[in-house]
């Protein structure tokens, strides 16, 4: 008949074939996709959690390293306690060598040589002031003492204060005014503290007590 099409032996009105066959398939596909999205998200979350489980936390890695370095760590900690600066930065953060320790094929943690221990307390006292002002989280120390090989691999200069155990690199907490407050602290109190302040990025900084100076393009 005119104006009609045949489908499975019966007449179907014009446009009816599309509604009868294509649209239901589209609905099935949409339903399948809606079901698949949560399933995919769950599978992805499971995979990511499995990957996370394969990489121990910094604290767990420190515990494993500490098992064979306990005596030297205790001596260093005792020195800092006598000075009154122990606990300012947690030991698992204070003994971190460099952000790139994996790439450098070196150890994540290292105890500085005893003759360099007296160089750290002045920097720790600055850290304590910045902590009390709410500018710095001492647990976010990322690089402290570095030997010559680690310093070179990490991109440090030959005269890096990390080699002298005078410097600490930190990540800043995510507060919008941290940089401005840190720079104000450096301007007003830095000369008396002999404070060196460097910016790798607006949230990755260097502190030392080896001379009043600053560098990096992100300070104000």
N, C-alpha and C. Protein backbone atom coordinates (compact mmCIF):
# COMPACT_ATOMS: atom_id res chain seq x y z
N UNK A 1 0.85 -1.18 0.00
CA UNK A 1 0.00 0.00 0.00
C UNK A 1 0.88 1.22 0.00
N UNK A 2 0.36 2.29 -0.65
CA UNK A 2 1.12 3.52 -0.77
C UNK A 2 1.28 4.16 0.61
N UNK A 3 2.45 4.72 0.81
CA UNK A 3 2.73 5.39 2.10
C UNK A 3 3.05 4.44 3.21
N UNK A 4 3.20 3.17 2.90
CA UNK A 4 3.53 2.21 3.95
C UNK A 4 4.74 1.39 3.52
N UNK A 5 5.44 0.81 4.55
CA UNK A 5 6.54 -0.09 4.30
C UNK A 5 6.24 -1.42 4.95
N UNK A 6 6.86 -2.47 4.41
CA UNK A 6 6.64 -3.80 4.96
C UNK A 6 7.75 -4.15 5.93
N UNK A 7 7.39 -4.68 7.10
CA UNK A 7 8.37 -5.15 8.08
C UNK A 7 7.84 -6.41 8.70
N UNK A 8 8.55 -7.51 8.40
CA UNK A 8 8.17 -8.82 8.92
C UNK A 8 6.73 -9.17 8.55
N UNK A 9 6.41 -8.93 7.31
CA UNK A 9 5.13 -9.38 6.78
C UNK A 9 3.94 -8.54 7.14
N UNK A 10 4.13 -7.37 7.81
CA UNK A 10 2.97 -6.53 8.11
C UNK A 10 3.28 -5.09 7.74
N UNK A 11 2.27 -4.36 7.51
CA UNK A 11 2.45 -2.96 7.12
C UNK A 11 2.85 -2.14 8.33
N UNK A 12 3.79 -1.27 8.12
CA UNK A 12 4.25 -0.38 9.19
C UNK A 12 4.10 1.04 8.70
N UNK A 13 3.48 1.92 9.46
CA UNK A 13 3.33 3.31 9.02
C UNK A 13 4.68 3.95 8.77
N UNK A 14 4.68 4.99 7.90
CA UNK A 14 5.92 5.70 7.59
C UNK A 14 6.51 6.25 8.88
N UNK A 15 7.78 5.97 9.12
CA UNK A 15 8.44 6.37 10.36
C UNK A 15 8.28 5.36 11.48
N UNK A 16 7.36 4.43 11.31
CA UNK A 16 7.15 3.45 12.37
C UNK A 16 8.30 2.48 12.52
N UNK A 17 8.95 2.17 11.39
CA UNK A 17 10.10 1.25 11.44
C UNK A 17 11.19 1.81 12.32
N UNK A 18 11.43 3.14 12.24
CA UNK A 18 12.46 3.78 13.06
C UNK A 18 12.11 3.68 14.53
N UNK A 19 10.84 3.96 14.83
CA UNK A 19 10.42 3.90 16.23
C UNK A 19 10.44 2.48 16.76
N UNK A 20 10.11 1.53 15.89
CA UNK A 20 9.97 0.15 16.34
C UNK A 20 11.29 -0.57 16.49
N UNK A 21 12.33 -0.13 15.76
CA UNK A 21 13.59 -0.88 15.77
C UNK A 21 14.77 -0.07 16.28
N UNK A 22 14.98 1.11 15.72
CA UNK A 22 16.19 1.88 16.04
C UNK A 22 16.11 2.45 17.44
N UNK A 23 14.97 3.08 17.78
CA UNK A 23 14.86 3.76 19.07
C UNK A 23 15.02 2.79 20.25
N UNK A 24 14.37 1.60 20.22
CA UNK A 24 14.62 0.66 21.33
C UNK A 24 16.08 0.29 21.47
N UNK A 25 16.78 0.10 20.34
CA UNK A 25 18.21 -0.22 20.41
C UNK A 25 18.99 0.93 21.04
N UNK A 26 18.59 2.17 20.72
CA UNK A 26 19.25 3.32 21.31
C UNK A 26 19.04 3.35 22.81
N UNK A 27 17.82 3.02 23.23
CA UNK A 27 17.53 3.00 24.66
C UNK A 27 18.35 1.93 25.38
N UNK A 28 18.47 0.77 24.75
CA UNK A 28 19.28 -0.31 25.34
C UNK A 28 20.73 0.12 25.47
N UNK A 29 21.25 0.78 24.41
CA UNK A 29 22.65 1.23 24.43
C UNK A 29 22.86 2.25 25.53
N UNK A 30 21.88 3.18 25.67
CA UNK A 30 22.00 4.21 26.71
C UNK A 30 21.97 3.59 28.09
N UNK A 31 21.07 2.61 28.27
CA UNK A 31 20.99 1.92 29.56
C UNK A 31 22.27 1.18 29.87
N UNK A 32 22.81 0.51 28.86
CA UNK A 32 24.07 -0.22 29.03
C UNK A 32 25.20 0.72 29.42
N UNK A 33 25.25 1.89 28.77
CA UNK A 33 26.30 2.87 29.07
C UNK A 33 26.14 3.39 30.49
N UNK A 34 24.86 3.64 30.90
CA UNK A 34 24.63 4.14 32.25
C UNK A 34 25.07 3.14 33.30
N UNK A 35 24.84 1.86 33.02
CA UNK A 35 25.27 0.81 33.94
C UNK A 35 26.78 0.66 33.93
N UNK A 36 27.38 0.83 32.75
CA UNK A 36 28.82 0.61 32.61
C UNK A 36 29.64 1.68 33.30
N UNK A 37 29.12 2.93 33.34
CA UNK A 37 29.90 4.03 33.93
C UNK A 37 30.25 3.77 35.39
N UNK A 38 29.26 3.45 36.26
CA UNK A 38 29.64 3.16 37.64
C UNK A 38 30.54 1.95 37.77
N UNK A 39 30.31 0.96 36.92
CA UNK A 39 31.15 -0.25 36.97
C UNK A 39 32.59 0.08 36.60
N UNK A 40 32.75 0.92 35.56
CA UNK A 40 34.10 1.32 35.15
C UNK A 40 34.77 2.14 36.24
N UNK A 41 33.98 3.06 36.84
CA UNK A 41 34.54 3.91 37.91
C UNK A 41 34.99 3.05 39.09
N UNK A 42 34.19 2.05 39.42
CA UNK A 42 34.55 1.17 40.53
C UNK A 42 35.81 0.37 40.22
N UNK A 43 35.90 -0.11 38.97
CA UNK A 43 37.09 -0.87 38.57
C UNK A 43 38.33 0.00 38.58
N UNK A 44 38.17 1.27 38.13
CA UNK A 44 39.30 2.19 38.12
C UNK A 44 39.76 2.50 39.54
N UNK A 45 38.81 2.74 40.44
CA UNK A 45 39.15 3.02 41.84
C UNK A 45 39.88 1.84 42.46
N UNK A 46 39.41 0.63 42.14
CA UNK A 46 40.06 -0.56 42.68
C UNK A 46 41.48 -0.69 42.16
N UNK A 47 41.67 -0.40 40.86
CA UNK A 47 43.01 -0.48 40.28
C UNK A 47 43.94 0.55 40.89
N UNK A 48 43.44 1.77 41.09
CA UNK A 48 44.27 2.82 41.68
C UNK A 48 44.63 2.49 43.12
N UNK A 49 43.67 1.92 43.86
CA UNK A 49 43.97 1.56 45.25
C UNK A 49 45.00 0.44 45.30
N UNK A 50 44.95 -0.46 44.33
CA UNK A 50 45.94 -1.53 44.27
C UNK A 50 47.32 -0.96 44.00
N UNK A 51 47.39 0.04 43.09
CA UNK A 51 48.67 0.68 42.81
C UNK A 51 49.19 1.39 44.04
N UNK A 52 48.31 2.07 44.77
CA UNK A 52 48.72 2.77 45.98
C UNK A 52 49.25 1.78 47.01
N UNK A 53 48.61 0.63 47.08
CA UNK A 53 49.04 -0.36 48.06
C UNK A 53 50.43 -0.88 47.75
N UNK A 54 50.82 -0.85 46.47
CA UNK A 54 52.13 -1.34 46.10
C UNK A 54 53.24 -0.37 46.49
N UNK A 55 52.92 0.92 46.71
CA UNK A 55 53.92 1.93 47.05
C UNK A 55 53.73 2.34 48.50
N UNK A 56 54.64 1.98 49.39
CA UNK A 56 54.49 2.31 50.81
C UNK A 56 54.51 3.82 51.02
N UNK A 57 53.92 4.26 52.12
CA UNK A 57 53.91 5.67 52.48
C UNK A 57 55.32 6.10 52.88
N UNK A 58 55.61 7.42 52.89
CA UNK A 58 56.92 7.88 53.35
C UNK A 58 57.25 7.41 54.75
N UNK A 59 56.24 7.39 55.62
CA UNK A 59 56.47 6.91 56.99
C UNK A 59 56.88 5.44 57.01
N UNK A 60 56.22 4.63 56.17
CA UNK A 60 56.56 3.21 56.11
C UNK A 60 57.96 3.02 55.52
N UNK A 61 58.30 3.80 54.51
CA UNK A 61 59.65 3.71 53.94
C UNK A 61 60.70 4.14 54.95
N UNK A 62 60.37 5.16 55.72
CA UNK A 62 61.31 5.61 56.75
C UNK A 62 61.52 4.53 57.80
N UNK A 63 60.45 3.88 58.22
CA UNK A 63 60.56 2.81 59.22
C UNK A 63 61.47 1.69 58.72
N UNK A 64 61.33 1.34 57.44
CA UNK A 64 62.17 0.28 56.88
C UNK A 64 63.63 0.72 56.84
N UNK A 65 63.88 1.96 56.45
CA UNK A 65 65.26 2.48 56.44
C UNK A 65 65.81 2.60 57.85
N UNK A 66 65.00 3.07 58.78
CA UNK A 66 65.43 3.31 60.15
C UNK A 66 65.89 2.02 60.83
N UNK A 67 65.33 0.90 60.42
CA UNK A 67 65.69 -0.38 61.06
C UNK A 67 67.18 -0.66 61.00
N UNK A 68 67.86 -0.18 59.96
CA UNK A 68 69.30 -0.42 59.85
C UNK A 68 70.13 0.84 60.11
N UNK A 69 69.48 1.92 60.57
CA UNK A 69 70.19 3.17 60.85
C UNK A 69 69.80 3.75 62.20
N UNK A 70 69.24 2.91 63.06
CA UNK A 70 68.67 3.40 64.32
C UNK A 70 69.69 4.09 65.20
N UNK A 71 70.90 3.55 65.30
CA UNK A 71 71.89 4.11 66.22
C UNK A 71 72.29 5.53 65.81
N UNK A 72 72.57 5.74 64.53
CA UNK A 72 73.00 7.07 64.09
C UNK A 72 71.87 8.08 64.18
N UNK A 73 70.64 7.62 63.91
CA UNK A 73 69.49 8.52 64.03
C UNK A 73 69.30 8.93 65.48
N UNK A 74 69.44 7.99 66.40
CA UNK A 74 69.28 8.29 67.82
C UNK A 74 70.33 9.30 68.28
N UNK A 75 71.56 9.16 67.82
CA UNK A 75 72.61 10.11 68.19
C UNK A 75 72.28 11.52 67.68
N UNK A 76 71.83 11.60 66.46
CA UNK A 76 71.47 12.90 65.89
C UNK A 76 70.28 13.51 66.63
N UNK A 77 69.29 12.68 66.91
CA UNK A 77 68.11 13.15 67.63
C UNK A 77 68.47 13.63 69.03
N UNK A 78 69.37 12.92 69.68
CA UNK A 78 69.82 13.31 71.02
C UNK A 78 70.54 14.65 70.98
N UNK A 79 71.34 14.87 69.93
CA UNK A 79 72.01 16.16 69.76
C UNK A 79 70.98 17.29 69.64
N UNK A 80 69.95 17.08 68.83
CA UNK A 80 68.93 18.10 68.64
C UNK A 80 68.14 18.33 69.92
N UNK A 81 67.92 17.27 70.70
CA UNK A 81 67.23 17.42 71.97
C UNK A 81 68.04 18.28 72.94
N UNK A 82 69.33 18.08 72.98
CA UNK A 82 70.17 18.90 73.85
C UNK A 82 70.13 20.37 73.42
N UNK A 83 69.99 20.58 72.14
CA UNK A 83 69.92 21.95 71.62
C UNK A 83 68.53 22.56 71.80
N UNK A 84 67.52 21.72 72.00
CA UNK A 84 66.15 22.22 72.16
C UNK A 84 65.38 22.33 70.86
N UNK A 85 65.93 21.79 69.78
CA UNK A 85 65.25 21.91 68.49
C UNK A 85 64.69 20.59 67.98
N UNK A 86 64.79 19.53 68.77
CA UNK A 86 64.26 18.23 68.34
C UNK A 86 62.74 18.31 68.23
N UNK A 87 62.20 17.62 67.25
CA UNK A 87 60.75 17.57 67.08
C UNK A 87 60.17 18.71 66.28
N UNK A 88 60.97 19.70 65.95
CA UNK A 88 60.47 20.80 65.13
C UNK A 88 60.01 20.27 63.77
N UNK A 89 60.85 19.45 63.16
CA UNK A 89 60.50 18.74 61.93
C UNK A 89 60.54 17.24 62.25
N UNK A 90 59.49 16.48 61.95
CA UNK A 90 59.52 15.04 62.22
C UNK A 90 60.74 14.40 61.58
N UNK A 91 61.32 13.42 62.27
CA UNK A 91 62.57 12.83 61.79
C UNK A 91 62.42 12.21 60.40
N UNK A 92 61.27 11.63 60.09
CA UNK A 92 61.12 11.03 58.76
C UNK A 92 61.15 12.10 57.67
N UNK A 93 60.85 13.37 58.03
CA UNK A 93 60.94 14.47 57.06
C UNK A 93 62.30 15.14 57.13
N UNK A 94 62.88 15.25 58.34
CA UNK A 94 64.16 15.93 58.51
C UNK A 94 65.31 15.18 57.84
N UNK A 95 65.16 13.88 57.65
CA UNK A 95 66.23 13.08 57.06
C UNK A 95 66.00 12.78 55.58
N UNK A 96 65.05 13.43 54.97
CA UNK A 96 64.82 13.22 53.53
C UNK A 96 65.92 13.90 52.72
N UNK A 97 66.36 13.21 51.71
CA UNK A 97 67.49 13.71 50.93
C UNK A 97 67.06 14.64 49.80
N UNK A 98 66.17 14.20 48.93
CA UNK A 98 65.79 15.01 47.78
C UNK A 98 64.49 14.49 47.19
N UNK A 99 63.80 15.38 46.51
CA UNK A 99 62.57 14.97 45.84
C UNK A 99 62.83 13.91 44.77
N UNK A 100 64.00 13.98 44.13
CA UNK A 100 64.31 13.11 43.00
C UNK A 100 65.07 11.85 43.41
N UNK A 101 64.94 11.43 44.63
CA UNK A 101 65.78 10.32 45.10
C UNK A 101 65.58 9.05 44.27
N UNK A 102 64.37 8.80 43.81
CA UNK A 102 64.14 7.61 42.97
C UNK A 102 64.89 7.74 41.65
N UNK A 103 64.72 8.89 41.01
CA UNK A 103 65.37 9.11 39.72
C UNK A 103 66.89 9.05 39.86
N UNK A 104 67.39 9.47 41.00
CA UNK A 104 68.84 9.48 41.21
C UNK A 104 69.38 8.11 41.63
N UNK A 105 68.49 7.17 41.90
CA UNK A 105 68.94 5.85 42.32
C UNK A 105 69.65 5.88 43.65
N UNK A 106 69.22 6.80 44.51
CA UNK A 106 69.88 6.97 45.81
C UNK A 106 68.86 6.69 46.92
N UNK A 107 69.32 6.80 48.17
CA UNK A 107 68.44 6.57 49.30
C UNK A 107 67.56 7.78 49.55
N UNK A 108 66.35 7.52 50.00
CA UNK A 108 65.42 8.61 50.31
C UNK A 108 65.80 9.34 51.58
N UNK A 109 66.49 8.64 52.48
CA UNK A 109 66.83 9.19 53.79
C UNK A 109 68.33 9.10 54.03
N UNK A 110 68.85 10.05 54.80
CA UNK A 110 70.28 10.02 55.14
C UNK A 110 70.50 10.84 56.41
N UNK A 111 71.37 10.35 57.27
CA UNK A 111 71.78 11.11 58.45
C UNK A 111 73.02 11.92 58.08
N UNK A 112 73.03 13.22 58.34
CA UNK A 112 74.22 14.00 58.00
C UNK A 112 75.41 13.62 58.86
N UNK A 113 76.63 13.88 58.39
CA UNK A 113 77.82 13.61 59.21
C UNK A 113 77.77 14.42 60.51
N UNK A 114 78.27 13.88 61.61
CA UNK A 114 78.19 14.57 62.91
C UNK A 114 78.79 15.97 62.91
N UNK A 115 79.83 16.22 62.12
CA UNK A 115 80.43 17.56 62.13
C UNK A 115 79.51 18.62 61.52
N UNK A 116 78.44 18.18 60.83
CA UNK A 116 77.49 19.12 60.25
C UNK A 116 76.23 19.29 61.11
N UNK A 117 76.10 18.53 62.16
CA UNK A 117 74.90 18.62 63.00
C UNK A 117 74.66 20.03 63.55
N UNK A 118 75.69 20.75 64.02
CA UNK A 118 75.43 22.08 64.58
C UNK A 118 74.88 23.09 63.58
N UNK A 119 74.94 22.78 62.30
CA UNK A 119 74.45 23.73 61.29
C UNK A 119 72.93 23.76 61.18
N UNK A 120 72.25 22.72 61.67
CA UNK A 120 70.81 22.62 61.47
C UNK A 120 69.96 23.40 62.49
N UNK A 121 70.29 23.46 63.77
CA UNK A 121 69.40 24.13 64.73
C UNK A 121 68.98 25.55 64.38
N UNK A 122 69.86 26.43 63.87
CA UNK A 122 69.37 27.78 63.52
C UNK A 122 68.25 27.75 62.48
N UNK A 123 68.35 26.86 61.52
CA UNK A 123 67.29 26.75 60.51
C UNK A 123 66.02 26.19 61.13
N UNK A 124 66.16 25.24 62.04
CA UNK A 124 64.98 24.68 62.71
C UNK A 124 64.27 25.73 63.56
N UNK A 125 65.02 26.66 64.14
CA UNK A 125 64.38 27.71 64.94
C UNK A 125 63.55 28.64 64.03
N UNK A 126 64.03 28.89 62.83
CA UNK A 126 63.24 29.67 61.88
C UNK A 126 61.97 28.89 61.49
N UNK A 127 62.13 27.60 61.24
CA UNK A 127 60.98 26.76 60.89
C UNK A 127 59.93 26.80 62.00
N UNK A 128 60.38 26.77 63.26
CA UNK A 128 59.45 26.81 64.38
C UNK A 128 58.65 28.12 64.38
N UNK A 129 59.31 29.23 64.07
CA UNK A 129 58.60 30.51 64.02
C UNK A 129 57.57 30.52 62.89
N UNK A 130 57.95 30.01 61.74
CA UNK A 130 57.02 29.96 60.61
C UNK A 130 55.87 29.00 60.88
N UNK A 131 56.15 27.92 61.57
CA UNK A 131 55.09 26.98 61.97
C UNK A 131 54.11 27.67 62.91
N UNK A 132 54.63 28.36 63.92
CA UNK A 132 53.75 29.02 64.89
C UNK A 132 52.93 30.13 64.26
N UNK A 133 53.45 30.72 63.19
CA UNK A 133 52.71 31.76 62.47
C UNK A 133 51.69 31.19 61.51
N UNK A 134 51.66 29.85 61.36
CA UNK A 134 50.71 29.21 60.46
C UNK A 134 51.08 29.30 59.00
N UNK A 135 52.36 29.60 58.72
CA UNK A 135 52.81 29.74 57.34
C UNK A 135 53.34 28.44 56.79
N UNK A 136 53.91 27.62 57.66
CA UNK A 136 54.66 26.43 57.22
C UNK A 136 54.20 25.21 57.99
N UNK A 137 54.13 24.07 57.32
CA UNK A 137 53.89 22.78 57.96
C UNK A 137 55.21 22.00 57.94
N UNK A 138 55.87 21.83 59.11
CA UNK A 138 57.18 21.18 59.12
C UNK A 138 57.19 19.78 58.54
N UNK A 139 56.05 19.09 58.57
CA UNK A 139 55.99 17.74 58.02
C UNK A 139 56.12 17.72 56.51
N UNK A 140 56.03 18.89 55.87
CA UNK A 140 56.13 18.97 54.41
C UNK A 140 57.55 19.26 53.95
N UNK A 141 58.55 18.96 54.79
CA UNK A 141 59.96 19.06 54.36
C UNK A 141 60.21 18.01 53.28
N UNK A 142 60.87 18.42 52.20
CA UNK A 142 61.07 17.53 51.05
C UNK A 142 62.54 17.23 50.77
N UNK A 143 63.44 18.08 51.24
CA UNK A 143 64.86 17.84 50.99
C UNK A 143 65.66 18.58 52.06
N UNK A 144 66.59 17.86 52.70
CA UNK A 144 67.39 18.48 53.77
C UNK A 144 68.86 18.24 53.44
N UNK A 145 69.52 17.34 54.16
CA UNK A 145 70.94 17.10 53.87
C UNK A 145 71.09 16.28 52.60
N UNK A 146 72.03 16.72 51.73
CA UNK A 146 72.35 15.97 50.52
C UNK A 146 73.86 15.86 50.40
N UNK A 147 74.35 14.65 50.16
CA UNK A 147 75.78 14.50 49.91
C UNK A 147 76.09 15.00 48.50
N UNK A 148 77.33 14.98 48.12
CA UNK A 148 77.74 15.58 46.85
C UNK A 148 77.04 14.94 45.66
N UNK A 149 76.98 13.61 45.65
CA UNK A 149 76.37 12.91 44.52
C UNK A 149 74.87 13.20 44.42
N UNK A 150 74.17 13.14 45.55
CA UNK A 150 72.75 13.42 45.54
C UNK A 150 72.47 14.87 45.18
N UNK A 151 73.30 15.77 45.68
CA UNK A 151 73.11 17.18 45.38
C UNK A 151 73.25 17.45 43.88
N UNK A 152 74.26 16.84 43.26
CA UNK A 152 74.46 17.03 41.82
C UNK A 152 73.28 16.47 41.03
N UNK A 153 72.81 15.28 41.42
CA UNK A 153 71.70 14.66 40.70
C UNK A 153 70.42 15.46 40.90
N UNK A 154 70.26 16.07 42.07
CA UNK A 154 69.04 16.84 42.37
C UNK A 154 69.06 18.21 41.71
N UNK A 155 70.17 18.57 41.07
CA UNK A 155 70.25 19.86 40.40
C UNK A 155 70.73 20.98 41.29
N UNK A 156 71.31 20.63 42.47
CA UNK A 156 71.81 21.65 43.37
C UNK A 156 73.13 22.23 42.88
N UNK A 157 73.42 23.46 43.30
CA UNK A 157 74.68 24.09 42.94
C UNK A 157 75.82 23.49 43.75
N UNK A 158 77.04 23.73 43.29
CA UNK A 158 78.20 23.19 44.01
C UNK A 158 78.29 23.75 45.42
N UNK A 159 77.79 24.98 45.61
CA UNK A 159 77.82 25.59 46.93
C UNK A 159 76.50 25.47 47.68
N UNK A 160 75.69 24.49 47.32
CA UNK A 160 74.38 24.33 47.94
C UNK A 160 74.49 24.18 49.45
N UNK A 161 73.62 24.89 50.16
CA UNK A 161 73.60 24.80 51.63
C UNK A 161 73.04 23.47 52.11
N UNK A 162 72.43 22.71 51.21
CA UNK A 162 72.00 21.36 51.58
C UNK A 162 73.22 20.48 51.90
N UNK A 163 74.29 20.71 51.23
CA UNK A 163 75.51 19.92 51.47
C UNK A 163 76.10 20.22 52.85
N UNK A 164 75.78 21.40 53.40
CA UNK A 164 76.29 21.79 54.72
C UNK A 164 75.28 21.52 55.83
N UNK A 165 74.13 20.93 55.48
CA UNK A 165 73.08 20.65 56.47
C UNK A 165 72.53 21.94 57.08
N UNK A 166 72.43 22.98 56.25
CA UNK A 166 71.88 24.26 56.70
C UNK A 166 70.54 24.58 56.07
N UNK A 167 70.10 23.77 55.12
CA UNK A 167 68.94 24.13 54.30
C UNK A 167 67.86 23.05 54.36
N UNK A 168 66.62 23.52 54.18
CA UNK A 168 65.47 22.62 54.07
C UNK A 168 64.57 23.14 52.96
N UNK A 169 64.16 22.26 52.07
CA UNK A 169 63.15 22.58 51.07
C UNK A 169 61.79 22.13 51.58
N UNK A 170 60.79 22.97 51.38
CA UNK A 170 59.43 22.67 51.84
C UNK A 170 58.43 22.83 50.71
N UNK A 171 57.31 22.12 50.84
CA UNK A 171 56.10 22.44 50.11
C UNK A 171 55.26 23.31 51.03
N UNK A 172 54.73 24.42 50.51
CA UNK A 172 53.87 25.27 51.32
C UNK A 172 52.46 24.69 51.40
N UNK A 173 51.80 24.82 52.54
CA UNK A 173 50.38 24.44 52.60
C UNK A 173 49.57 25.29 51.63
N UNK A 174 48.43 24.79 51.16
CA UNK A 174 47.66 25.49 50.12
C UNK A 174 46.82 26.63 50.67
N UNK A 175 47.47 27.64 51.24
CA UNK A 175 46.77 28.86 51.67
C UNK A 175 47.14 29.99 50.72
N UNK A 176 46.14 30.77 50.32
CA UNK A 176 46.35 31.74 49.26
C UNK A 176 47.33 32.85 49.65
N UNK A 177 47.47 33.14 50.94
CA UNK A 177 48.32 34.25 51.35
C UNK A 177 49.68 33.82 51.88
N UNK A 178 50.02 32.53 51.73
CA UNK A 178 51.27 32.03 52.30
C UNK A 178 52.50 32.73 51.74
N UNK A 179 52.53 32.92 50.42
CA UNK A 179 53.71 33.52 49.81
C UNK A 179 53.89 34.95 50.30
N UNK A 180 52.81 35.72 50.33
CA UNK A 180 52.90 37.11 50.79
C UNK A 180 53.35 37.18 52.25
N UNK A 181 52.82 36.30 53.08
CA UNK A 181 53.19 36.32 54.51
C UNK A 181 54.64 35.86 54.70
N UNK A 182 55.05 34.87 53.91
CA UNK A 182 56.43 34.39 54.01
C UNK A 182 57.41 35.48 53.58
N UNK A 183 57.09 36.19 52.51
CA UNK A 183 57.97 37.26 52.05
C UNK A 183 58.02 38.40 53.05
N UNK A 184 56.89 38.70 53.68
CA UNK A 184 56.87 39.74 54.72
C UNK A 184 57.74 39.32 55.91
N UNK A 185 57.66 38.05 56.28
CA UNK A 185 58.51 37.53 57.36
C UNK A 185 59.99 37.68 56.98
N UNK A 186 60.32 37.34 55.74
CA UNK A 186 61.71 37.45 55.29
C UNK A 186 62.18 38.91 55.34
N UNK A 187 61.33 39.85 54.91
CA UNK A 187 61.72 41.26 54.89
C UNK A 187 61.92 41.82 56.29
N UNK A 188 61.02 41.46 57.21
CA UNK A 188 61.06 42.07 58.54
C UNK A 188 61.97 41.36 59.53
N UNK A 189 62.07 40.04 59.41
CA UNK A 189 62.85 39.28 60.39
C UNK A 189 64.06 38.58 59.79
N UNK A 190 64.09 38.49 58.48
CA UNK A 190 65.17 37.77 57.81
C UNK A 190 66.57 38.28 58.12
N UNK A 191 66.80 39.61 58.15
CA UNK A 191 68.17 40.08 58.41
C UNK A 191 68.73 39.58 59.75
N UNK A 192 67.93 39.61 60.80
CA UNK A 192 68.39 39.17 62.11
C UNK A 192 68.59 37.65 62.16
N UNK A 193 67.84 36.94 61.35
CA UNK A 193 67.92 35.47 61.34
C UNK A 193 68.92 34.94 60.32
N UNK A 194 69.51 35.84 59.53
CA UNK A 194 70.43 35.41 58.47
C UNK A 194 69.71 34.48 57.47
N UNK A 195 68.47 34.83 57.16
CA UNK A 195 67.56 33.92 56.45
C UNK A 195 67.71 34.03 54.94
N UNK A 196 67.98 32.89 54.32
CA UNK A 196 67.93 32.77 52.87
C UNK A 196 66.62 32.13 52.46
N UNK A 197 65.94 32.73 51.51
CA UNK A 197 64.63 32.25 51.05
C UNK A 197 64.63 32.15 49.54
N UNK A 198 64.36 30.97 49.03
CA UNK A 198 64.30 30.75 47.59
C UNK A 198 62.99 30.13 47.18
N UNK A 199 62.54 30.46 45.95
CA UNK A 199 61.30 29.90 45.40
C UNK A 199 61.63 29.10 44.16
N UNK A 200 61.35 27.79 44.21
CA UNK A 200 61.41 26.97 43.01
C UNK A 200 60.13 27.16 42.20
N UNK A 201 59.00 27.19 42.92
CA UNK A 201 57.68 27.50 42.38
C UNK A 201 56.98 28.30 43.47
N UNK A 202 55.78 28.81 43.23
CA UNK A 202 55.09 29.55 44.30
C UNK A 202 54.78 28.70 45.54
N UNK A 203 54.85 27.38 45.42
CA UNK A 203 54.54 26.53 46.58
C UNK A 203 55.68 25.60 46.98
N UNK A 204 56.82 25.69 46.31
CA UNK A 204 57.99 24.87 46.67
C UNK A 204 59.14 25.83 46.97
N UNK A 205 59.60 25.81 48.23
CA UNK A 205 60.55 26.83 48.67
C UNK A 205 61.79 26.22 49.29
N UNK A 206 62.80 27.06 49.45
CA UNK A 206 64.07 26.72 50.09
C UNK A 206 64.29 27.68 51.24
N UNK A 207 64.69 27.15 52.39
CA UNK A 207 65.05 27.96 53.55
C UNK A 207 66.43 27.57 54.02
N UNK A 208 67.25 28.55 54.40
CA UNK A 208 68.50 28.27 55.09
C UNK A 208 68.84 29.46 55.97
N UNK A 209 69.85 29.32 56.79
CA UNK A 209 70.31 30.41 57.66
C UNK A 209 71.79 30.65 57.37
N UNK A 210 72.09 30.82 56.10
CA UNK A 210 73.48 31.00 55.66
C UNK A 210 73.68 32.34 54.97
N UNK A 211 72.79 33.30 55.22
CA UNK A 211 72.94 34.61 54.62
C UNK A 211 71.60 35.18 54.19
N UNK A 212 71.38 36.46 54.50
CA UNK A 212 70.12 37.12 54.16
C UNK A 212 70.08 37.41 52.66
N UNK A 213 69.21 36.71 51.96
CA UNK A 213 69.12 36.83 50.52
C UNK A 213 67.84 36.13 50.07
N UNK A 214 67.46 36.36 48.83
CA UNK A 214 66.31 35.66 48.26
C UNK A 214 66.52 35.48 46.77
N UNK A 215 65.84 34.54 46.19
CA UNK A 215 65.92 34.30 44.75
C UNK A 215 64.65 33.58 44.30
N UNK A 216 64.48 33.56 43.00
CA UNK A 216 63.28 32.98 42.41
C UNK A 216 62.36 34.10 41.95
N UNK A 217 61.53 33.82 40.98
CA UNK A 217 60.70 34.86 40.36
C UNK A 217 59.33 35.01 40.99
N UNK A 218 59.04 34.24 42.05
CA UNK A 218 57.70 34.25 42.59
C UNK A 218 57.57 34.99 43.92
N UNK A 219 58.67 35.57 44.40
CA UNK A 219 58.55 36.31 45.65
C UNK A 219 58.06 37.73 45.35
N UNK A 220 57.57 38.40 46.39
CA UNK A 220 57.02 39.75 46.22
C UNK A 220 57.88 40.75 47.01
